[in-house]
Amino acid sequence: MVKSRARLVAGTAVVLSAALVLSACGSKSSDSESAASGESCVDTSGDNVKLGFLNSLSGAMSISEKTVSDALNLAADQINEGGGILGKKIVPVQEDGASEPTVFAEKATKLIQSDCVAAVFGGWTSSSRVAMRPVFKSLNNILFYPVQYEGLEADHNIFYTGATTNQQIIPALDFLKTEKKIKTIFLAGSDYVFPRTANKIIKQYAAANDIEVVGEEYQPLDQGAWGTAVDKIVSTKPDVVFNTINGDSNVAFLQAYDEKGLDASTAPIVSVSIAEEEAAAIPVDLTGQMTSWNYYQTVDSPTNTSFVEAFKAKYGKDRPTSDPMEAAYTSLWLYKEMVEKAGTFDVDEVIDAAPGITYDAPEGAVTVDGENHHISKTNLIGEVQPDKLIKTIWSSDGPIEPDPFLKTYDWWDPSKE
């Protein structure tokens, strides 16, 4: 497989993060000594506990990640109004990952060593998560990662509250095969870890199910030269385009789509990274285009109604809710449940307390898997409406247990391209 620029950046980030672990990154001498000895500098002796929020507030991914930060702050406010966690109020420490994996590694180190946070919530791209992994392992802290991703990972120090592949991509493929009867598919993705790995999985699924991949195109996250790729879609006439493009590159892709006269009736798309926030920011008609997620603002339940009302009351009636922000919101409530079950903020004891924790989330009831640190999630295939909200047109039969390594699929071979 050709290495993407994002993979190379992620590799650099791993080296940088390891160096930062050794440097103590400007923390007080006592805190540095604690970090060097593997001891935490978290202070819960008072009335507060500090938690890190690490999201891209600038750069290509800010279109998606700002709303995640907003959701985390809403959850913190609500938890504090209810008495906090173990009686301690949350003090958020916000950092900007700036859409760069190296910056995520830097900021994660700062949050743990200098700010002495008890846990960190954030990241979006897989490159950002991969860059942060050695930081959390070396410094023994917890990362709550809120976004759907390519799977093939489980980490002792990470909890994944977004979907893994068998909860989002494979159900979408099953839907396309059985409900839409597709025979050809075109793959369009951003050039980094998630889209390339996801498309490797999609290609093996397609080969096992008599579906022909008629094209595969990538562009860097911060670029939008999608005209040539859209020309190929026009010429190959696929039954569906599977879209793994992330961030504001989706704007350029769908503008090129619109300029070529393509729409849901002539060239349907299934997207796994366009939610309500992105749909609202894309200045073309997306009516009828499909998405695969685990939550939409339109989910009909009392819990979701309360969540949507609270979010709009805090941030404005025109602000939509979406899957990644709901997963981030849920992650903070899951952390509260874990800590209170453990009776302590100690990282090891909180991790030990996590298996089986259940929370009635806006998306529905979710449960933490003790083996792989993912959560059970119901898949929802949605269709974009004229108002840019997304309506469910198909759902799985209840929550799907997480299978990040695709152990239950006999067609999957990680050694194959």
Protein backbone atom coordinates (compact mmCIF):
# COMPACT_ATOMS: atom_id res chain seq x y z
CA MET A 1 0.00 0.00 0.00
CA VAL A 2 1.32 3.48 -0.88
CA LYS A 3 2.12 5.48 2.25
CA SER A 4 0.06 8.65 2.58
CA ARG A 5 1.45 11.94 3.79
CA ALA A 6 -0.74 11.66 6.88
CA ARG A 7 0.86 8.30 7.74
CA LEU A 8 4.30 9.83 7.51
CA VAL A 9 3.20 12.71 9.72
CA ALA A 10 1.74 10.23 12.21
CA GLY A 11 5.04 8.34 12.28
CA THR A 12 6.90 11.56 12.94
CA ALA A 13 4.42 12.34 15.69
CA VAL A 14 5.16 9.04 17.44
CA VAL A 15 8.86 9.93 17.59
CA LEU A 16 8.10 13.47 18.74
CA SER A 17 5.65 12.31 21.40
CA ALA A 18 8.21 9.89 22.79
CA ALA A 19 10.71 12.73 23.03
CA LEU A 20 8.15 14.92 24.77
CA VAL A 21 7.46 12.21 27.31
CA LEU A 22 11.12 12.36 28.33
CA SER A 23 11.27 16.16 28.37
CA ALA A 24 8.43 16.77 30.91
CA CYS A 25 7.36 19.68 28.67
CA GLY A 26 7.89 22.52 31.13
CA SER A 27 5.96 21.14 34.10
CA LYS A 28 6.91 21.99 37.66
CA SER A 29 9.88 20.06 39.01
CA SER A 30 7.79 18.03 41.43
CA ASP A 31 5.37 17.14 38.64
CA SER A 32 8.25 16.26 36.34
CA GLU A 33 9.70 13.95 38.93
CA SER A 34 6.30 12.29 39.36
CA ALA A 35 5.93 11.81 35.59
CA ALA A 36 9.43 10.39 35.30
CA SER A 37 8.70 7.88 38.04
CA GLY A 38 5.39 6.88 36.47
CA GLU A 39 3.37 8.67 39.18
CA SER A 40 0.42 10.90 38.37
CA CYS A 41 0.44 14.61 39.21
CA VAL A 42 -3.37 14.72 39.27
CA ASP A 43 -4.58 16.58 42.35
CA THR A 44 -8.07 15.71 43.58
CA SER A 45 -7.55 16.88 47.17
CA GLY A 46 -9.75 19.93 46.63
CA ASP A 47 -13.23 20.47 45.22
CA ASN A 48 -12.25 20.21 41.54
CA VAL A 49 -10.82 17.79 39.00
CA LYS A 50 -9.17 18.92 35.77
CA LEU A 51 -10.03 17.17 32.49
CA GLY A 52 -8.40 17.84 29.12
CA PHE A 53 -10.43 18.66 26.01
CA LEU A 54 -8.21 18.31 22.92
CA ASN A 55 -9.89 19.28 19.65
CA SER A 56 -8.95 21.03 16.40
CA LEU A 57 -10.22 24.58 16.81
CA SER A 58 -8.20 25.64 13.74
CA GLY A 59 -7.14 24.06 10.45
CA ALA A 60 -8.91 21.73 8.03
CA MET A 61 -10.64 19.67 10.72
CA SER A 62 -12.09 22.59 12.69
CA ILE A 63 -15.32 22.37 10.66
CA SER A 64 -15.94 19.06 12.45
CA GLU A 65 -14.10 19.32 15.76
CA LYS A 66 -15.31 22.63 17.20
CA THR A 67 -18.73 21.12 17.76
CA VAL A 68 -17.15 18.19 19.64
CA SER A 69 -15.56 20.67 22.06
CA ASP A 70 -18.97 22.31 22.48
CA ALA A 71 -20.59 18.97 23.32
CA LEU A 72 -17.90 18.16 25.88
CA ASN A 73 -18.45 21.52 27.58
CA LEU A 74 -22.21 20.90 27.66
CA ALA A 75 -21.66 17.52 29.35
CA ALA A 76 -19.25 19.12 31.85
CA ASP A 77 -21.81 21.81 32.70
CA GLN A 78 -24.56 19.25 33.23
CA ILE A 79 -22.37 16.98 35.35
CA ASN A 80 -21.27 19.94 37.45
CA GLU A 81 -24.89 21.02 37.94
CA GLY A 82 -25.59 17.51 39.25
CA GLY A 83 -22.78 17.64 41.78
CA GLY A 84 -19.75 16.74 39.67
CA ILE A 85 -17.83 13.47 39.72
CA LEU A 86 -17.37 12.00 43.20
CA GLY A 87 -18.47 15.41 44.45
CA LYS A 88 -15.76 17.26 42.50
CA LYS A 89 -16.55 19.85 39.83
CA ILE A 90 -15.00 19.41 36.39
CA VAL A 91 -12.55 22.12 35.34
CA PRO A 92 -12.02 21.74 31.57
CA VAL A 93 -8.58 22.54 30.15
CA GLN A 94 -9.06 23.17 26.41
CA GLU A 95 -6.26 22.74 23.89
CA ASP A 96 -6.23 23.16 20.10
CA GLY A 97 -4.90 20.19 18.12
CA ALA A 98 -4.75 22.50 15.05
CA SER A 99 -5.55 19.60 12.68
CA GLU A 100 -1.95 18.36 12.98
CA PRO A 101 -0.99 14.97 14.51
CA THR A 102 2.28 16.32 15.93
CA VAL A 103 0.39 19.08 17.71
CA PHE A 104 -2.05 16.55 19.19
CA ALA A 105 0.90 14.60 20.64
CA GLU A 106 2.43 17.81 22.00
CA LYS A 107 -0.79 19.04 23.57
CA ALA A 108 -1.66 15.64 25.05
CA THR A 109 1.72 15.60 26.78
CA LYS A 110 1.19 19.12 28.09
CA LEU A 111 -2.27 18.29 29.40
CA ILE A 112 -1.02 15.25 31.30
CA GLN A 113 2.33 16.52 32.57
CA SER A 114 1.83 20.27 33.00
CA ASP A 115 -1.92 20.64 33.51
CA CYS A 116 -2.21 17.38 35.46
CA VAL A 117 -5.57 16.36 33.98
CA ALA A 118 -7.19 13.11 35.12
CA ALA A 119 -8.23 12.15 31.55
CA VAL A 120 -8.30 13.60 28.03
CA PHE A 121 -11.24 13.73 25.60
CA GLY A 122 -10.67 14.37 21.92
CA GLY A 123 -8.89 13.69 18.66
CA TRP A 124 -10.64 13.10 15.33
CA THR A 125 -8.43 11.80 12.53
CA SER A 126 -6.79 8.43 12.98
CA SER A 127 -3.45 10.16 12.45
CA SER A 128 -4.11 12.28 15.54
CA ARG A 129 -5.06 9.20 17.58
CA VAL A 130 -2.02 7.21 16.41
CA ALA A 131 0.24 10.14 17.31
CA MET A 132 -1.22 10.31 20.83
CA ARG A 133 -1.19 6.59 21.63
CA PRO A 134 2.41 6.41 22.93
CA VAL A 135 1.84 9.50 25.08
CA PHE A 136 -1.07 7.91 26.96
CA LYS A 137 0.75 4.60 27.29
CA SER A 138 4.00 6.13 28.56
CA LEU A 139 2.31 8.56 30.96
CA ASN A 140 -0.51 6.15 31.93
CA ASN A 141 -3.45 8.43 31.36
CA ILE A 142 -6.78 7.83 29.59
CA LEU A 143 -7.89 9.11 26.17
CA PHE A 144 -11.58 9.05 25.20
CA TYR A 145 -11.70 9.06 21.39
CA PRO A 146 -15.15 10.03 20.00
CA VAL A 147 -15.05 9.37 16.25
CA GLN A 148 -15.82 6.45 13.95
CA TYR A 149 -12.60 4.97 12.61
CA GLU A 150 -11.05 2.08 10.68
CA GLY A 151 -10.78 -0.35 13.59
CA LEU A 152 -7.93 -2.88 13.82
CA GLU A 153 -6.92 -1.39 17.16
CA ALA A 154 -7.54 -1.77 20.88
CA ASP A 155 -5.51 0.05 23.51
CA HIS A 156 -5.41 -0.28 27.29
CA ASN A 157 -5.35 3.51 27.73
CA ILE A 158 -7.97 4.44 25.10
CA PHE A 159 -11.75 4.18 25.15
CA TYR A 160 -13.38 4.40 21.72
CA THR A 161 -16.90 5.85 21.84
CA GLY A 162 -17.27 6.27 18.07
CA ALA A 163 -18.04 3.34 15.78
CA THR A 164 -15.55 0.73 14.67
CA THR A 165 -15.84 -0.78 11.18
CA ASN A 166 -18.39 -3.49 11.97
CA GLN A 167 -20.72 -0.86 13.45
CA GLN A 168 -20.67 1.61 10.56
CA ILE A 169 -18.95 0.61 7.30
CA ILE A 170 -19.90 -3.06 7.07
CA PRO A 171 -23.59 -2.42 7.91
CA ALA A 172 -23.58 0.26 5.19
CA LEU A 173 -22.17 -2.23 2.71
CA ASP A 174 -24.75 -4.83 3.76
CA PHE A 175 -27.48 -2.23 3.21
CA LEU A 176 -26.14 -1.32 -0.24
CA LYS A 177 -25.90 -4.98 -1.22
CA THR A 178 -29.28 -6.17 0.06
CA GLU A 179 -31.46 -3.04 -0.18
CA LYS A 180 -29.92 -1.15 -3.09
CA LYS A 181 -28.68 -4.24 -5.00
CA ILE A 182 -25.45 -2.49 -6.02
CA LYS A 183 -22.97 -4.18 -8.35
CA THR A 184 -20.38 -1.39 -8.76
CA ILE A 185 -18.83 1.03 -6.27
CA PHE A 186 -16.40 3.97 -6.46
CA LEU A 187 -14.18 4.86 -3.47
CA ALA A 188 -13.34 8.51 -2.68
CA GLY A 189 -11.32 9.33 0.43
CA SER A 190 -8.91 11.68 2.14
CA ASP A 191 -5.29 10.58 1.96
CA TYR A 192 -4.55 9.32 5.45
CA VAL A 193 -4.93 6.25 7.67
CA PHE A 194 -8.72 5.96 8.08
CA PRO A 195 -9.86 6.18 4.43
CA ARG A 196 -7.08 3.94 3.09
CA THR A 197 -7.64 1.26 5.73
CA ALA A 198 -11.42 1.52 5.45
CA ASN A 199 -11.18 1.13 1.67
CA LYS A 200 -8.92 -1.91 2.07
CA ILE A 201 -11.77 -3.47 4.09
CA ILE A 202 -14.37 -2.33 1.56
CA LYS A 203 -12.40 -3.87 -1.33
CA GLN A 204 -12.19 -7.24 0.41
CA TYR A 205 -15.92 -7.10 1.21
CA ALA A 206 -16.64 -6.22 -2.42
CA ALA A 207 -14.53 -9.11 -3.75
CA ALA A 208 -16.39 -11.57 -1.50
CA ASN A 209 -19.80 -10.22 -2.53
CA ASP A 210 -19.49 -9.87 -6.32
CA ILE A 211 -19.25 -6.07 -6.23
CA GLU A 212 -16.82 -4.39 -8.64
CA VAL A 213 -14.69 -1.46 -7.44
CA VAL A 214 -14.58 0.78 -10.54
CA GLY A 215 -12.39 3.54 -9.11
CA GLU A 216 -10.43 4.68 -6.06
CA GLU A 217 -9.28 8.28 -5.53
CA TYR A 218 -7.62 10.19 -2.67
CA GLN A 219 -6.75 13.82 -1.90
CA PRO A 220 -4.82 15.27 1.08
CA LEU A 221 -6.96 16.51 3.95
CA ASP A 222 -6.08 20.15 3.36
CA GLN A 223 -6.63 20.10 -0.40
CA GLY A 224 -9.69 19.93 -2.57
CA ALA A 225 -8.67 19.21 -6.17
CA TRP A 226 -11.55 16.79 -6.75
CA GLY A 227 -12.43 17.69 -10.33
CA THR A 228 -10.50 14.83 -11.96
CA ALA A 229 -11.89 12.29 -9.53
CA VAL A 230 -15.44 13.45 -10.18
CA ASP A 231 -14.76 13.16 -13.94
CA LYS A 232 -13.89 9.51 -13.30
CA ILE A 233 -17.18 9.05 -11.42
CA VAL A 234 -19.00 10.49 -14.40
CA SER A 235 -17.23 8.11 -16.80
CA THR A 236 -17.45 4.93 -14.69
CA LYS A 237 -21.11 5.43 -13.66
CA PRO A 238 -20.90 3.49 -10.35
CA ASP A 239 -24.06 2.35 -8.60
CA VAL A 240 -22.81 4.20 -5.53
CA VAL A 241 -19.86 6.31 -4.35
CA PHE A 242 -18.52 5.38 -0.91
CA ASN A 243 -17.20 8.61 0.63
CA THR A 244 -14.50 8.53 3.33
CA ILE A 245 -13.44 12.16 2.83
CA ASN A 246 -12.96 14.11 6.07
CA GLY A 247 -13.16 17.75 7.11
CA ASP A 248 -13.65 20.71 4.78
CA SER A 249 -12.39 18.69 1.79
CA ASN A 250 -15.99 17.47 1.58
CA VAL A 251 -17.02 20.99 0.54
CA ALA A 252 -14.71 20.93 -2.50
CA PHE A 253 -15.71 17.36 -3.40
CA LEU A 254 -19.43 18.02 -3.34
CA GLN A 255 -19.09 21.36 -5.11
CA ALA A 256 -17.26 19.52 -7.92
CA TYR A 257 -20.03 16.94 -7.84
CA ASP A 258 -22.66 19.63 -8.20
CA GLU A 259 -20.77 21.39 -11.00
CA LYS A 260 -20.79 18.15 -13.02
CA GLY A 261 -24.56 17.88 -12.58
CA LEU A 262 -24.39 14.88 -10.26
CA ASP A 263 -26.89 14.36 -7.45
CA ALA A 264 -28.50 11.60 -5.39
CA SER A 265 -30.59 10.41 -8.32
CA THR A 266 -27.72 10.21 -10.84
CA ALA A 267 -24.76 9.27 -8.60
CA PRO A 268 -25.79 8.37 -5.03
CA ILE A 269 -23.22 8.73 -2.25
CA VAL A 270 -22.87 7.02 1.11
CA SER A 271 -20.76 9.14 3.45
CA VAL A 272 -19.29 8.07 6.78
CA SER A 273 -17.80 11.44 7.78
CA ILE A 274 -20.53 13.88 6.77
CA ALA A 275 -22.89 14.53 9.68
CA GLU A 276 -25.36 17.36 10.31
CA GLU A 277 -22.63 19.91 11.09
CA GLU A 278 -20.79 19.28 7.81
CA ALA A 279 -24.01 18.99 5.77
CA ALA A 280 -25.09 22.44 6.97
CA ALA A 281 -21.74 23.92 5.87
CA ILE A 282 -21.77 22.42 2.36
CA PRO A 283 -23.34 24.95 -0.04
CA VAL A 284 -24.95 22.46 -2.46
CA ASP A 285 -28.16 20.44 -2.43
CA LEU A 286 -27.48 17.12 -0.67
CA THR A 287 -31.09 15.97 -0.61
CA GLY A 288 -31.29 12.19 -0.89
CA GLN A 289 -27.60 11.52 -0.34
CA MET A 290 -26.97 8.82 2.26
CA THR A 291 -24.90 8.54 5.41
CA SER A 292 -23.99 5.75 7.82
CA TRP A 293 -23.73 6.69 11.51
CA ASN A 294 -25.04 5.64 14.93
CA TYR A 295 -26.80 8.87 15.85
CA TYR A 296 -28.76 11.66 14.15
CA GLN A 297 -30.42 14.74 15.59
CA THR A 298 -33.72 13.24 14.42
CA VAL A 299 -33.46 10.13 16.66
CA ASP A 300 -36.85 9.89 18.36
CA SER A 301 -36.39 9.33 22.08
CA PRO A 302 -36.93 11.33 25.28
CA THR A 303 -33.19 11.20 26.05
CA ASN A 304 -32.28 12.64 22.67
CA THR A 305 -34.99 15.29 22.84
CA SER A 306 -33.52 16.51 26.13
CA PHE A 307 -29.99 16.45 24.69
CA VAL A 308 -30.94 18.42 21.56
CA GLU A 309 -32.89 20.98 23.59
CA ALA A 310 -29.97 21.47 25.99
CA PHE A 311 -27.44 21.85 23.18
CA LYS A 312 -29.55 24.40 21.32
CA ALA A 313 -30.28 26.32 24.53
CA LYS A 314 -26.54 26.67 25.17
CA TYR A 315 -25.26 27.25 21.62
CA GLY A 316 -28.20 28.53 19.56
CA LYS A 317 -31.36 27.16 18.00
CA ASP A 318 -29.75 26.86 14.56
CA ARG A 319 -26.90 24.63 15.74
CA PRO A 320 -27.45 20.95 14.79
CA THR A 321 -26.35 17.95 16.80
CA SER A 322 -24.37 15.13 15.17
CA ASP A 323 -22.83 11.70 15.74
CA PRO A 324 -19.24 12.60 16.76
CA MET A 325 -20.38 15.29 19.17
CA GLU A 326 -22.95 12.92 20.69
CA ALA A 327 -20.21 10.28 21.08
CA ALA A 328 -18.01 12.89 22.80
CA TYR A 329 -20.88 13.97 25.06
CA THR A 330 -21.50 10.30 25.92
CA SER A 331 -17.81 9.72 26.64
CA LEU A 332 -17.77 12.23 29.50
CA TRP A 333 -20.82 10.63 31.09
CA LEU A 334 -19.25 7.18 30.70
CA TYR A 335 -16.12 8.48 32.42
CA LYS A 336 -18.23 9.75 35.31
CA GLU A 337 -19.82 6.29 35.64
CA MET A 338 -16.40 4.57 35.54
CA VAL A 339 -14.89 6.86 38.19
CA GLU A 340 -17.86 6.54 40.50
CA LYS A 341 -17.86 2.76 40.16
CA ALA A 342 -14.12 2.73 40.94
CA GLY A 343 -14.55 5.23 43.77
CA THR A 344 -11.37 7.00 42.66
CA PHE A 345 -9.79 8.95 39.80
CA ASP A 346 -6.80 6.58 39.77
CA VAL A 347 -6.22 5.60 36.12
CA ASP A 348 -5.68 1.89 36.66
CA GLU A 349 -8.70 1.51 38.91
CA VAL A 350 -10.92 3.50 36.54
CA ILE A 351 -9.87 1.27 33.62
CA ASP A 352 -10.52 -1.84 35.72
CA ALA A 353 -14.01 -0.55 36.56
CA ALA A 354 -14.98 0.13 32.92
CA PRO A 355 -16.20 -3.30 31.67
CA GLY A 356 -19.98 -3.49 31.52
CA ILE A 357 -20.61 0.20 32.27
CA THR A 358 -23.91 1.12 30.58
CA TYR A 359 -25.26 4.58 29.83
CA ASP A 360 -28.59 5.71 28.37
CA ALA A 361 -27.10 7.93 25.66
CA PRO A 362 -28.97 10.11 23.14
CA GLU A 363 -28.21 7.42 20.53
CA GLY A 364 -29.64 4.72 22.81
CA ALA A 365 -28.20 2.47 25.49
CA VAL A 366 -24.46 1.82 25.12
CA THR A 367 -22.23 -0.60 27.02
CA VAL A 368 -18.44 -0.60 27.41
CA ASP A 369 -16.70 -3.76 26.18
CA GLY A 370 -14.08 -4.77 28.73
CA GLU A 371 -11.87 -6.58 26.23
CA ASN A 372 -11.44 -3.95 23.51
CA HIS A 373 -12.65 -0.69 25.17
CA HIS A 374 -15.19 0.06 22.43
CA ILE A 375 -18.92 0.40 23.04
CA SER A 376 -21.98 -1.32 21.57
CA LYS A 377 -23.76 0.86 18.98
CA THR A 378 -26.82 0.65 16.73
CA ASN A 379 -26.14 1.41 13.05
CA LEU A 380 -28.38 3.93 11.30
CA ILE A 381 -28.42 4.51 7.55
CA GLY A 382 -29.68 8.03 6.96
CA GLU A 383 -30.80 10.23 4.11
CA VAL A 384 -30.11 13.97 3.96
CA GLN A 385 -33.29 16.05 3.95
CA PRO A 386 -33.82 19.43 2.24
CA ASP A 387 -33.18 21.19 5.60
CA LYS A 388 -29.78 19.38 5.84
CA LEU A 389 -30.94 17.23 8.77
CA ILE A 390 -30.62 13.46 8.35
CA LYS A 391 -33.50 11.02 8.61
CA THR A 392 -33.03 7.32 9.39
CA ILE A 393 -34.12 5.07 6.52
CA TRP A 394 -32.72 1.79 7.91
CA SER A 395 -31.32 0.57 11.21
CA SER A 396 -29.62 -2.53 12.56
CA ASP A 397 -31.54 -4.85 14.87
CA GLY A 398 -30.36 -3.21 18.05
CA PRO A 399 -26.84 -2.45 19.28
CA ILE A 400 -23.95 -4.17 17.47
CA GLU A 401 -21.18 -5.54 19.65
CA PRO A 402 -17.81 -4.02 18.70
CA ASP A 403 -15.50 -6.22 16.61
CA PRO A 404 -12.57 -3.91 15.78
CA PHE A 405 -10.36 -6.71 14.42
CA LEU A 406 -13.16 -8.21 12.26
CA LYS A 407 -12.72 -11.61 13.85
CA THR A 408 -16.24 -12.70 12.87
CA TYR A 409 -15.79 -12.13 9.10
CA ASP A 410 -14.24 -14.97 7.11
CA TRP A 411 -13.60 -12.78 4.05
CA TRP A 412 -11.26 -10.44 5.95
CA ASP A 413 -7.50 -11.00 5.63
CA PRO A 414 -5.35 -8.19 7.06
CA SER A 415 -2.32 -9.42 5.09
CA LYS A 416 -4.01 -8.70 1.76
CA GLU A 417 -4.26 -5.33 0.02
